[in-house]
Structure formats: structure tokens, C-alpha cells
Amino acid sequence: MYGSTSTMRKVKKVRKATAPVRKKKEVVELGGEKVEFKKGGLKKSLDVPEDYTFKKSELERLKGHEVGKKFQFKGKKFTMDEKLKKQITLALTLMSSKK
């Protein structure tokens, strides 16, 4: 034999980390003020698929929860925080401005 097993080393292949896909920010003008947000941010926060369409009644129900309180949406538990509250408010505003 040319070498013993004790001198042979196993080399692990190291995978290169891929950079996360960054979503572009959308810019919308509301009341003369430009608002910047990441498209799909509310869907990610509420853990729903990207092709999911929110109903206005769903968002109004969610908006009624106070910051810090726990709630359920689509069978999953969440805690309302400032960011989520702002995302819901923005979504409702954009829904009403489409008409």
C-alpha cells in the first residue's frame, strides 16, 4: 500500500454562503410625503405565502389589537409590535387609495 489510513485525511467540502436576496424598496407618495417600504414585508411578518391576498376586513381586525398583546392569524400565534402595527396601517392606507 502507498499510505496508511492514519496518514490520509478526509477533506470536507465547504459550501459558499449565498447572499440573501434583498427585496427592493418601494416608494409611494401619501399625502404629499414619500413613504419607503419593502414589498412583501407584511406577508413575511405574518408568515403567509407571497401570493396571498389580504382582505380589508382581516387587516382591520388585526389593527384592533394593542401593541404587546398576543393574537392568532391563520392558526399561528403572533405578538403585536410597533413595526407590525405600522405595516398593517400602511397596507390599509394603500388599499383604500387604490379606488
PDB file of N, CA and C in Angstrom:
ATOM      1  N   MET A   1       0.818  -1.180   0.000  1.00  0.00           N
ATOM      2  CA  MET A   1       0.000   0.000   0.000  1.00  0.00           C
ATOM      3  C   MET A   1       0.858   1.237   0.000  1.00  0.00           C
ATOM      4  N   TYR A   2       0.295   2.265  -0.568  1.00  0.00           N
ATOM      5  CA  TYR A   2       1.039   3.511  -0.670  1.00  0.00           C
ATOM      6  C   TYR A   2       0.932   4.381   0.568  1.00  0.00           C
ATOM      7  N   GLY A   3      -0.076   4.200   1.345  1.00  0.00           N
ATOM      8  CA  GLY A   3      -0.230   5.011   2.545  1.00  0.00           C
ATOM      9  C   GLY A   3      -1.179   4.342   3.509  1.00  0.00           C
ATOM     10  N   SER A   4      -0.989   4.606   4.726  1.00  0.00           N
ATOM     11  CA  SER A   4      -1.884   4.015   5.701  1.00  0.00           C
ATOM     12  C   SER A   4      -3.078   4.939   5.910  1.00  0.00           C
ATOM     13  N   THR A   5      -4.125   4.400   6.484  1.00  0.00           N
ATOM     14  CA  THR A   5      -5.333   5.196   6.709  1.00  0.00           C
ATOM     15  C   THR A   5      -5.106   6.290   7.740  1.00  0.00           C
ATOM     16  N   SER A   6      -4.118   6.129   8.581  1.00  0.00           N
ATOM     17  CA  SER A   6      -3.879   7.142   9.607  1.00  0.00           C
ATOM     18  C   SER A   6      -3.263   8.412   9.010  1.00  0.00           C
ATOM     19  N   THR A   7      -2.589   8.303   7.883  1.00  0.00           N
ATOM     20  CA  THR A   7      -1.980   9.489   7.283  1.00  0.00           C
ATOM     21  C   THR A   7      -2.888  10.156   6.260  1.00  0.00           C
ATOM     22  N   MET A   8      -3.913   9.468   5.826  1.00  0.00           N
ATOM     23  CA  MET A   8      -4.836  10.058   4.843  1.00  0.00           C
ATOM     24  C   MET A   8      -5.874  10.894   5.585  1.00  0.00           C
ATOM     25  N   ARG A   9      -6.122  12.066   5.073  1.00  0.00           N
ATOM     26  CA  ARG A   9      -7.096  12.948   5.692  1.00  0.00           C
ATOM     27  C   ARG A   9      -8.335  13.068   4.819  1.00  0.00           C
ATOM     28  N   LYS A  10      -9.454  13.141   5.468  1.00  0.00           N
ATOM     29  CA  LYS A  10     -10.685  13.396   4.733  1.00  0.00           C
ATOM     30  C   LYS A  10     -10.879  14.902   4.707  1.00  0.00           C
ATOM     31  N   VAL A  11     -11.192  15.411   3.543  1.00  0.00           N
ATOM     32  CA  VAL A  11     -11.384  16.845   3.390  1.00  0.00           C
ATOM     33  C   VAL A  11     -12.867  17.106   3.175  1.00  0.00           C
ATOM     34  N   LYS A  12     -13.421  17.963   4.020  1.00  0.00           N
ATOM     35  CA  LYS A  12     -14.825  18.338   3.864  1.00  0.00           C
ATOM     36  C   LYS A  12     -14.928  19.453   2.848  1.00  0.00           C
ATOM     37  N   LYS A  13     -15.953  19.337   2.014  1.00  0.00           N
ATOM     38  CA  LYS A  13     -16.204  20.420   1.067  1.00  0.00           C
ATOM     39  C   LYS A  13     -16.987  21.504   1.791  1.00  0.00           C
ATOM     40  N   VAL A  14     -16.525  22.704   1.643  1.00  0.00           N
ATOM     41  CA  VAL A  14     -17.177  23.832   2.295  1.00  0.00           C
ATOM     42  C   VAL A  14     -18.023  24.551   1.261  1.00  0.00           C
ATOM     43  N   ARG A  15     -19.312  24.690   1.590  1.00  0.00           N
ATOM     44  CA  ARG A  15     -20.209  25.414   0.686  1.00  0.00           C
ATOM     45  C   ARG A  15     -20.063  26.909   0.922  1.00  0.00           C
ATOM     46  N   LYS A  16     -20.080  27.632  -0.152  1.00  0.00           N
ATOM     47  CA  LYS A  16     -20.040  29.078  -0.033  1.00  0.00           C
ATOM     48  C   LYS A  16     -21.416  29.575   0.363  1.00  0.00           C
ATOM     49  N   ALA A  17     -21.434  30.495   1.275  1.00  0.00           N
ATOM     50  CA  ALA A  17     -22.708  31.061   1.713  1.00  0.00           C
ATOM     51  C   ALA A  17     -23.230  31.978   0.614  1.00  0.00           C
ATOM     52  N   THR A  18     -24.487  31.801   0.299  1.00  0.00           N
ATOM     53  CA  THR A  18     -25.082  32.672  -0.711  1.00  0.00           C
ATOM     54  C   THR A  18     -25.671  33.881  -0.017  1.00  0.00           C
ATOM     55  N   ALA A  19     -25.548  34.991  -0.646  1.00  0.00           N
ATOM     56  CA  ALA A  19     -26.073  36.227  -0.084  1.00  0.00           C
ATOM     57  C   ALA A  19     -27.595  36.177  -0.112  1.00  0.00           C
ATOM     58  N   PRO A  20     -28.241  36.659   0.942  1.00  0.00           N
ATOM     59  CA  PRO A  20     -29.700  36.654   0.949  1.00  0.00           C
ATOM     60  C   PRO A  20     -30.249  37.576  -0.132  1.00  0.00           C
ATOM     61  N   VAL A  21     -31.375  37.195  -0.682  1.00  0.00           N
ATOM     62  CA  VAL A  21     -31.993  38.007  -1.724  1.00  0.00           C
ATOM     63  C   VAL A  21     -32.640  39.205  -1.042  1.00  0.00           C
ATOM     64  N   ARG A  22     -32.225  40.366  -1.435  1.00  0.00           N
ATOM     65  CA  ARG A  22     -32.762  41.586  -0.839  1.00  0.00           C
ATOM     66  C   ARG A  22     -33.866  42.138  -1.727  1.00  0.00           C
ATOM     67  N   LYS A  23     -34.963  42.423  -1.092  1.00  0.00           N
ATOM     68  CA  LYS A  23     -36.081  42.977  -1.842  1.00  0.00           C
ATOM     69  C   LYS A  23     -35.865  44.471  -2.008  1.00  0.00           C
ATOM     70  N   LYS A  24     -36.235  44.943  -3.171  1.00  0.00           N
ATOM     71  CA  LYS A  24     -36.107  46.372  -3.420  1.00  0.00           C
ATOM     72  C   LYS A  24     -37.178  47.119  -2.646  1.00  0.00           C
ATOM     73  N   LYS A  25     -36.846  48.320  -2.281  1.00  0.00           N
ATOM     74  CA  LYS A  25     -37.805  49.134  -1.549  1.00  0.00           C
ATOM     75  C   LYS A  25     -38.735  49.826  -2.529  1.00  0.00           C
ATOM     76  N   GLU A  26     -39.988  49.887  -2.149  1.00  0.00           N
ATOM     77  CA  GLU A  26     -40.997  50.590  -2.926  1.00  0.00           C
ATOM     78  C   GLU A  26     -41.118  52.003  -2.357  1.00  0.00           C
ATOM     79  N   VAL A  27     -41.419  52.950  -3.216  1.00  0.00           N
ATOM     80  CA  VAL A  27     -41.637  54.318  -2.768  1.00  0.00           C
ATOM     81  C   VAL A  27     -43.020  54.740  -3.226  1.00  0.00           C
ATOM     82  N   VAL A  28     -43.831  55.201  -2.271  1.00  0.00           N
ATOM     83  CA  VAL A  28     -45.192  55.630  -2.548  1.00  0.00           C
ATOM     84  C   VAL A  28     -45.376  57.013  -1.958  1.00  0.00           C
ATOM     85  N   GLU A  29     -46.145  57.844  -2.635  1.00  0.00           N
ATOM     86  CA  GLU A  29     -46.410  59.176  -2.117  1.00  0.00           C
ATOM     87  C   GLU A  29     -47.792  59.188  -1.475  1.00  0.00           C
ATOM     88  N   LEU A  30     -47.821  59.466  -0.195  1.00  0.00           N
ATOM     89  CA  LEU A  30     -49.071  59.528   0.557  1.00  0.00           C
ATOM     90  C   LEU A  30     -49.183  60.890   1.224  1.00  0.00           C
ATOM     91  N   GLY A  31     -50.191  61.627   0.845  1.00  0.00           N
ATOM     92  CA  GLY A  31     -50.403  62.943   1.442  1.00  0.00           C
ATOM     93  C   GLY A  31     -49.254  63.901   1.193  1.00  0.00           C
ATOM     94  N   GLY A  32     -48.634  63.799   0.034  1.00  0.00           N
ATOM     95  CA  GLY A  32     -47.517  64.671  -0.311  1.00  0.00           C
ATOM     96  C   GLY A  32     -46.197  64.246   0.317  1.00  0.00           C
ATOM     97  N   GLU A  33     -46.183  63.152   1.042  1.00  0.00           N
ATOM     98  CA  GLU A  33     -44.978  62.671   1.697  1.00  0.00           C
ATOM     99  C   GLU A  33     -44.575  61.323   1.096  1.00  0.00           C
ATOM    100  N   LYS A  34     -43.297  61.151   0.801  1.00  0.00           N
ATOM    101  CA  LYS A  34     -42.819  59.895   0.235  1.00  0.00           C
ATOM    102  C   LYS A  34     -42.604  58.872   1.351  1.00  0.00           C
ATOM    103  N   VAL A  35     -43.158  57.680   1.149  1.00  0.00           N
ATOM    104  CA  VAL A  35     -43.029  56.601   2.126  1.00  0.00           C
ATOM    105  C   VAL A  35     -42.285  55.456   1.458  1.00  0.00           C
ATOM    106  N   GLU A  36     -41.239  54.963   2.132  1.00  0.00           N
ATOM    107  CA  GLU A  36     -40.416  53.878   1.606  1.00  0.00           C
ATOM    108  C   GLU A  36     -40.673  52.618   2.421  1.00  0.00           C
ATOM    109  N   PHE A  37     -40.878  51.488   1.732  1.00  0.00           N
ATOM    110  CA  PHE A  37     -41.107  50.224   2.431  1.00  0.00           C
ATOM    111  C   PHE A  37     -40.667  49.068   1.564  1.00  0.00           C
ATOM    112  N   LYS A  38     -40.427  47.914   2.199  1.00  0.00           N
ATOM    113  CA  LYS A  38     -40.050  46.712   1.465  1.00  0.00           C
ATOM    114  C   LYS A  38     -41.315  45.988   1.038  1.00  0.00           C
ATOM    115  N   LYS A  39     -41.408  45.686  -0.229  1.00  0.00           N
ATOM    116  CA  LYS A  39     -42.583  44.998  -0.739  1.00  0.00           C
ATOM    117  C   LYS A  39     -42.619  43.590  -0.146  1.00  0.00           C
ATOM    118  N   GLY A  40     -43.774  43.183   0.366  1.00  0.00           N
ATOM    119  CA  GLY A  40     -43.932  41.855   0.950  1.00  0.00           C
ATOM    120  C   GLY A  40     -43.552  41.771   2.416  1.00  0.00           C
ATOM    121  N   GLY A  41     -43.266  42.899   3.037  1.00  0.00           N
ATOM    122  CA  GLY A  41     -42.849  42.908   4.434  1.00  0.00           C
ATOM    123  C   GLY A  41     -43.933  42.421   5.385  1.00  0.00           C
ATOM    124  N   LEU A  42     -45.186  42.806   5.140  1.00  0.00           N
ATOM    125  CA  LEU A  42     -46.292  42.381   5.997  1.00  0.00           C
ATOM    126  C   LEU A  42     -46.524  40.881   5.850  1.00  0.00           C
ATOM    127  N   LYS A  43     -46.410  40.383   4.632  1.00  0.00           N
ATOM    128  CA  LYS A  43     -46.599  38.946   4.392  1.00  0.00           C
ATOM    129  C   LYS A  43     -45.522  38.145   5.111  1.00  0.00           C
ATOM    130  N   LYS A  44     -44.309  38.660   5.117  1.00  0.00           N
ATOM    131  CA  LYS A  44     -43.221  37.983   5.818  1.00  0.00           C
ATOM    132  C   LYS A  44     -43.437  38.042   7.331  1.00  0.00           C
ATOM    133  N   SER A  45     -43.889  39.184   7.825  1.00  0.00           N
ATOM    134  CA  SER A  45     -44.125  39.333   9.257  1.00  0.00           C
ATOM    135  C   SER A  45     -45.223  38.405   9.755  1.00  0.00           C
ATOM    136  N   LEU A  46     -46.252  38.196   8.920  1.00  0.00           N
ATOM    137  CA  LEU A  46     -47.371  37.339   9.310  1.00  0.00           C
ATOM    138  C   LEU A  46     -47.229  35.921   8.780  1.00  0.00           C
ATOM    139  N   ASP A  47     -46.093  35.627   8.180  1.00  0.00           N
ATOM    140  CA  ASP A  47     -45.757  34.271   7.736  1.00  0.00           C
ATOM    141  C   ASP A  47     -46.826  33.672   6.808  1.00  0.00           C
ATOM    142  N   VAL A  48     -47.184  34.446   5.767  1.00  0.00           N
ATOM    143  CA  VAL A  48     -48.106  33.942   4.752  1.00  0.00           C
ATOM    144  C   VAL A  48     -47.368  33.893   3.411  1.00  0.00           C
ATOM    145  N   PRO A  49     -47.828  33.081   2.456  1.00  0.00           N
ATOM    146  CA  PRO A  49     -47.149  32.989   1.161  1.00  0.00           C
ATOM    147  C   PRO A  49     -47.173  34.315   0.398  1.00  0.00           C
ATOM    148  N   GLU A  50     -46.228  34.477  -0.510  1.00  0.00           N
ATOM    149  CA  GLU A  50     -46.129  35.729  -1.264  1.00  0.00           C
ATOM    150  C   GLU A  50     -47.333  35.981  -2.162  1.00  0.00           C
ATOM    151  N   ASP A  51     -48.033  34.918  -2.569  1.00  0.00           N
ATOM    152  CA  ASP A  51     -49.181  35.107  -3.456  1.00  0.00           C
ATOM    153  C   ASP A  51     -50.488  35.310  -2.681  1.00  0.00           C
ATOM    154  N   TYR A  52     -50.408  35.391  -1.357  1.00  0.00           N
ATOM    155  CA  TYR A  52     -51.595  35.587  -0.517  1.00  0.00           C
ATOM    156  C   TYR A  52     -52.102  37.011  -0.681  1.00  0.00           C
ATOM    157  N   THR A  53     -53.427  37.163  -0.735  1.00  0.00           N
ATOM    158  CA  THR A  53     -54.040  38.488  -0.824  1.00  0.00           C
ATOM    159  C   THR A  53     -54.811  38.758   0.454  1.00  0.00           C
ATOM    160  N   PHE A  54     -54.474  39.843   1.119  1.00  0.00           N
ATOM    161  CA  PHE A  54     -55.163  40.221   2.349  1.00  0.00           C
ATOM    162  C   PHE A  54     -56.513  40.843   2.017  1.00  0.00           C
ATOM    163  N   LYS A  55     -57.488  40.582   2.887  1.00  0.00           N
ATOM    164  CA  LYS A  55     -58.787  41.233   2.775  1.00  0.00           C
ATOM    165  C   LYS A  55     -58.770  42.426   3.721  1.00  0.00           C
ATOM    166  N   LYS A  56     -59.494  43.459   3.349  1.00  0.00           N
ATOM    167  CA  LYS A  56     -59.518  44.660   4.160  1.00  0.00           C
ATOM    168  C   LYS A  56     -60.061  44.363   5.558  1.00  0.00           C
ATOM    169  N   SER A  57     -61.052  43.482   5.637  1.00  0.00           N
ATOM    170  CA  SER A  57     -61.651  43.142   6.937  1.00  0.00           C
ATOM    171  C   SER A  57     -60.649  42.424   7.840  1.00  0.00           C
ATOM    172  N   GLU A  58     -59.788  41.595   7.252  1.00  0.00           N
ATOM    173  CA  GLU A  58     -58.749  40.910   8.031  1.00  0.00           C
ATOM    174  C   GLU A  58     -57.787  41.916   8.647  1.00  0.00           C
ATOM    175  N   LEU A  59     -57.358  42.874   7.823  1.00  0.00           N
ATOM    176  CA  LEU A  59     -56.393  43.868   8.297  1.00  0.00           C
ATOM    177  C   LEU A  59     -57.010  44.786   9.350  1.00  0.00           C
ATOM    178  N   GLU A  60     -58.284  45.129   9.180  1.00  0.00           N
ATOM    179  CA  GLU A  60     -58.946  45.979  10.172  1.00  0.00           C
ATOM    180  C   GLU A  60     -59.064  45.250  11.512  1.00  0.00           C
ATOM    181  N   ARG A  61     -59.336  43.942  11.461  1.00  0.00           N
ATOM    182  CA  ARG A  61     -59.407  43.141  12.683  1.00  0.00           C
ATOM    183  C   ARG A  61     -58.036  43.099  13.363  1.00  0.00           C
ATOM    184  N   LEU A  62     -56.966  42.919  12.566  1.00  0.00           N
ATOM    185  CA  LEU A  62     -55.612  42.870  13.129  1.00  0.00           C
ATOM    186  C   LEU A  62     -55.204  44.216  13.716  1.00  0.00           C
ATOM    187  N   LYS A  63     -55.620  45.286  13.066  1.00  0.00           N
ATOM    188  CA  LYS A  63     -55.244  46.618  13.532  1.00  0.00           C
ATOM    189  C   LYS A  63     -55.843  46.928  14.904  1.00  0.00           C
ATOM    190  N   GLY A  64     -56.928  46.255  15.246  1.00  0.00           N
ATOM    191  CA  GLY A  64     -57.584  46.475  16.529  1.00  0.00           C
ATOM    192  C   GLY A  64     -56.803  45.952  17.723  1.00  0.00           C
ATOM    193  N   HIS A  65     -55.813  45.108  17.503  1.00  0.00           N
ATOM    194  CA  HIS A  65     -55.017  44.572  18.609  1.00  0.00           C
ATOM    195  C   HIS A  65     -54.028  45.624  19.111  1.00  0.00           C
ATOM    196  N   GLU A  66     -53.870  45.672  20.424  1.00  0.00           N
ATOM    197  CA  GLU A  66     -52.954  46.638  21.029  1.00  0.00           C
ATOM    198  C   GLU A  66     -51.514  46.129  20.948  1.00  0.00           C
ATOM    199  N   VAL A  67     -50.577  47.056  20.954  1.00  0.00           N
ATOM    200  CA  VAL A  67     -49.153  46.711  20.933  1.00  0.00           C
ATOM    201  C   VAL A  67     -48.811  45.944  22.208  1.00  0.00           C
ATOM    202  N   GLY A  68     -48.121  44.816  22.038  1.00  0.00           N
ATOM    203  CA  GLY A  68     -47.732  43.985  23.169  1.00  0.00           C
ATOM    204  C   GLY A  68     -48.683  42.828  23.423  1.00  0.00           C
ATOM    205  N   LYS A  69     -49.864  42.857  22.817  1.00  0.00           N
ATOM    206  CA  LYS A  69     -50.850  41.791  23.017  1.00  0.00           C
ATOM    207  C   LYS A  69     -50.626  40.675  22.009  1.00  0.00           C
ATOM    208  N   LYS A  70     -50.955  39.443  22.417  1.00  0.00           N
ATOM    209  CA  LYS A  70     -50.815  38.284  21.532  1.00  0.00           C
ATOM    210  C   LYS A  70     -52.106  38.077  20.768  1.00  0.00           C
ATOM    211  N   PHE A  71     -51.974  37.569  19.543  1.00  0.00           N
ATOM    212  CA  PHE A  71     -53.141  37.287  18.721  1.00  0.00           C
ATOM    213  C   PHE A  71     -52.828  36.125  17.798  1.00  0.00           C
ATOM    214  N   GLN A  72     -53.880  35.584  17.188  1.00  0.00           N
ATOM    215  CA  GLN A  72     -53.720  34.480  16.248  1.00  0.00           C
ATOM    216  C   GLN A  72     -54.144  34.943  14.864  1.00  0.00           C
ATOM    217  N   PHE A  73     -53.375  34.497  13.851  1.00  0.00           N
ATOM    218  CA  PHE A  73     -53.719  34.780  12.457  1.00  0.00           C
ATOM    219  C   PHE A  73     -53.389  33.540  11.650  1.00  0.00           C
ATOM    220  N   LYS A  74     -54.390  32.998  10.981  1.00  0.00           N
ATOM    221  CA  LYS A  74     -54.233  31.788  10.163  1.00  0.00           C
ATOM    222  C   LYS A  74     -53.648  30.635  10.966  1.00  0.00           C
ATOM    223  N   GLY A  75     -54.076  30.500  12.232  1.00  0.00           N
ATOM    224  CA  GLY A  75     -53.642  29.395  13.075  1.00  0.00           C
ATOM    225  C   GLY A  75     -52.269  29.551  13.694  1.00  0.00           C
ATOM    226  N   LYS A  76     -51.634  30.690  13.504  1.00  0.00           N
ATOM    227  CA  LYS A  76     -50.307  30.932  14.064  1.00  0.00           C
ATOM    228  C   LYS A  76     -50.393  32.067  15.083  1.00  0.00           C
ATOM    229  N   LYS A  77     -49.579  31.985  16.123  1.00  0.00           N
ATOM    230  CA  LYS A  77     -49.602  32.987  17.187  1.00  0.00           C
ATOM    231  C   LYS A  77     -48.541  34.058  16.940  1.00  0.00           C
ATOM    232  N   PHE A  78     -48.936  35.306  17.167  1.00  0.00           N
ATOM    233  CA  PHE A  78     -48.041  36.446  16.979  1.00  0.00           C
ATOM    234  C   PHE A  78     -48.227  37.412  18.143  1.00  0.00           C
ATOM    235  N   THR A  79     -47.271  38.295  18.309  1.00  0.00           N
ATOM    236  CA  THR A  79     -47.381  39.384  19.264  1.00  0.00           C
ATOM    237  C   THR A  79     -47.328  40.690  18.481  1.00  0.00           C
ATOM    238  N   MET A  80     -48.300  41.548  18.727  1.00  0.00           N
ATOM    239  CA  MET A  80     -48.360  42.825  18.017  1.00  0.00           C
ATOM    240  C   MET A  80     -47.229  43.719  18.511  1.00  0.00           C
ATOM    241  N   ASP A  81     -46.449  44.245  17.559  1.00  0.00           N
ATOM    242  CA  ASP A  81     -45.408  45.201  17.901  1.00  0.00           C
ATOM    243  C   ASP A  81     -45.586  46.438  17.023  1.00  0.00           C
ATOM    244  N   GLU A  82     -44.778  47.448  17.280  1.00  0.00           N
ATOM    245  CA  GLU A  82     -44.902  48.721  16.556  1.00  0.00           C
ATOM    246  C   GLU A  82     -44.733  48.544  15.048  1.00  0.00           C
ATOM    247  N   LYS A  83     -43.745  47.741  14.654  1.00  0.00           N
ATOM    248  CA  LYS A  83     -43.462  47.539  13.238  1.00  0.00           C
ATOM    249  C   LYS A  83     -44.652  46.894  12.530  1.00  0.00           C
ATOM    250  N   LEU A  84     -45.206  45.855  13.133  1.00  0.00           N
ATOM    251  CA  LEU A  84     -46.339  45.160  12.542  1.00  0.00           C
ATOM    252  C   LEU A  84     -47.554  46.078  12.459  1.00  0.00           C
ATOM    253  N   LYS A  85     -47.765  46.866  13.481  1.00  0.00           N
ATOM    254  CA  LYS A  85     -48.888  47.820  13.503  1.00  0.00           C
ATOM    255  C   LYS A  85     -48.745  48.826  12.356  1.00  0.00           C
ATOM    256  N   LYS A  86     -47.523  49.319  12.143  1.00  0.00           N
ATOM    257  CA  LYS A  86     -47.282  50.274  11.060  1.00  0.00           C
ATOM    258  C   LYS A  86     -47.474  49.620   9.700  1.00  0.00           C
ATOM    259  N   GLN A  87     -47.051  48.352   9.561  1.00  0.00           N
ATOM    260  CA  GLN A  87     -47.215  47.640   8.295  1.00  0.00           C
ATOM    261  C   GLN A  87     -48.702  47.457   7.970  1.00  0.00           C
ATOM    262  N   ILE A  88     -49.487  47.109   8.977  1.00  0.00           N
ATOM    263  CA  ILE A  88     -50.928  46.924   8.779  1.00  0.00           C
ATOM    264  C   ILE A  88     -51.587  48.237   8.405  1.00  0.00           C
ATOM    265  N   THR A  89     -51.218  49.318   9.097  1.00  0.00           N
ATOM    266  CA  THR A  89     -51.781  50.637   8.804  1.00  0.00           C
ATOM    267  C   THR A  89     -51.440  51.067   7.386  1.00  0.00           C
ATOM    268  N   LEU A  90     -50.206  50.844   6.961  1.00  0.00           N
ATOM    269  CA  LEU A  90     -49.789  51.195   5.604  1.00  0.00           C
ATOM    270  C   LEU A  90     -50.569  50.377   4.576  1.00  0.00           C
ATOM    271  N   ALA A  91     -50.739  49.082   4.843  1.00  0.00           N
ATOM    272  CA  ALA A  91     -51.478  48.225   3.913  1.00  0.00           C
ATOM    273  C   ALA A  91     -52.919  48.707   3.762  1.00  0.00           C
ATOM    274  N   LEU A  92     -53.562  49.067   4.867  1.00  0.00           N
ATOM    275  CA  LEU A  92     -54.938  49.569   4.800  1.00  0.00           C
ATOM    276  C   LEU A  92     -55.001  50.885   4.033  1.00  0.00           C
ATOM    277  N   THR A  93     -54.031  51.754   4.265  1.00  0.00           N
ATOM    278  CA  THR A  93     -53.982  53.039   3.565  1.00  0.00           C
ATOM    279  C   THR A  93     -53.823  52.834   2.059  1.00  0.00           C
ATOM    280  N   LEU A  94     -52.925  51.925   1.680  1.00  0.00           N
ATOM    281  CA  LEU A  94     -52.705  51.657   0.262  1.00  0.00           C
ATOM    282  C   LEU A  94     -53.925  50.992  -0.374  1.00  0.00           C
ATOM    283  N   MET A  95     -54.610  50.139   0.377  1.00  0.00           N
ATOM    284  CA  MET A  95     -55.818  49.503  -0.151  1.00  0.00           C
ATOM    285  C   MET A  95     -56.918  50.528  -0.412  1.00  0.00           C
ATOM    286  N   SER A  96     -57.058  51.488   0.490  1.00  0.00           N
ATOM    287  CA  SER A  96     -58.112  52.491   0.332  1.00  0.00           C
ATOM    288  C   SER A  96     -57.768  53.514  -0.736  1.00  0.00           C
ATOM    289  N   SER A  97     -56.486  53.725  -1.003  1.00  0.00           N
ATOM    290  CA  SER A  97     -56.087  54.716  -2.015  1.00  0.00           C
ATOM    291  C   SER A  97     -56.165  54.163  -3.448  1.00  0.00           C
ATOM    292  N   LYS A  98     -56.319  52.846  -3.598  1.00  0.00           N
ATOM    293  CA  LYS A  98     -56.395  52.249  -4.933  1.00  0.00           C
ATOM    294  C   LYS A  98     -57.672  52.621  -5.654  1.00  0.00           C
ATOM    295  N   LYS A  99     -58.733  52.920  -4.903  1.00  0.00           N
ATOM    296  CA  LYS A  99     -60.042  53.193  -5.514  1.00  0.00           C
ATOM    297  C   LYS A  99     -60.136  54.533  -6.165  1.00  0.00           C
TER     298      LYS A  99
END
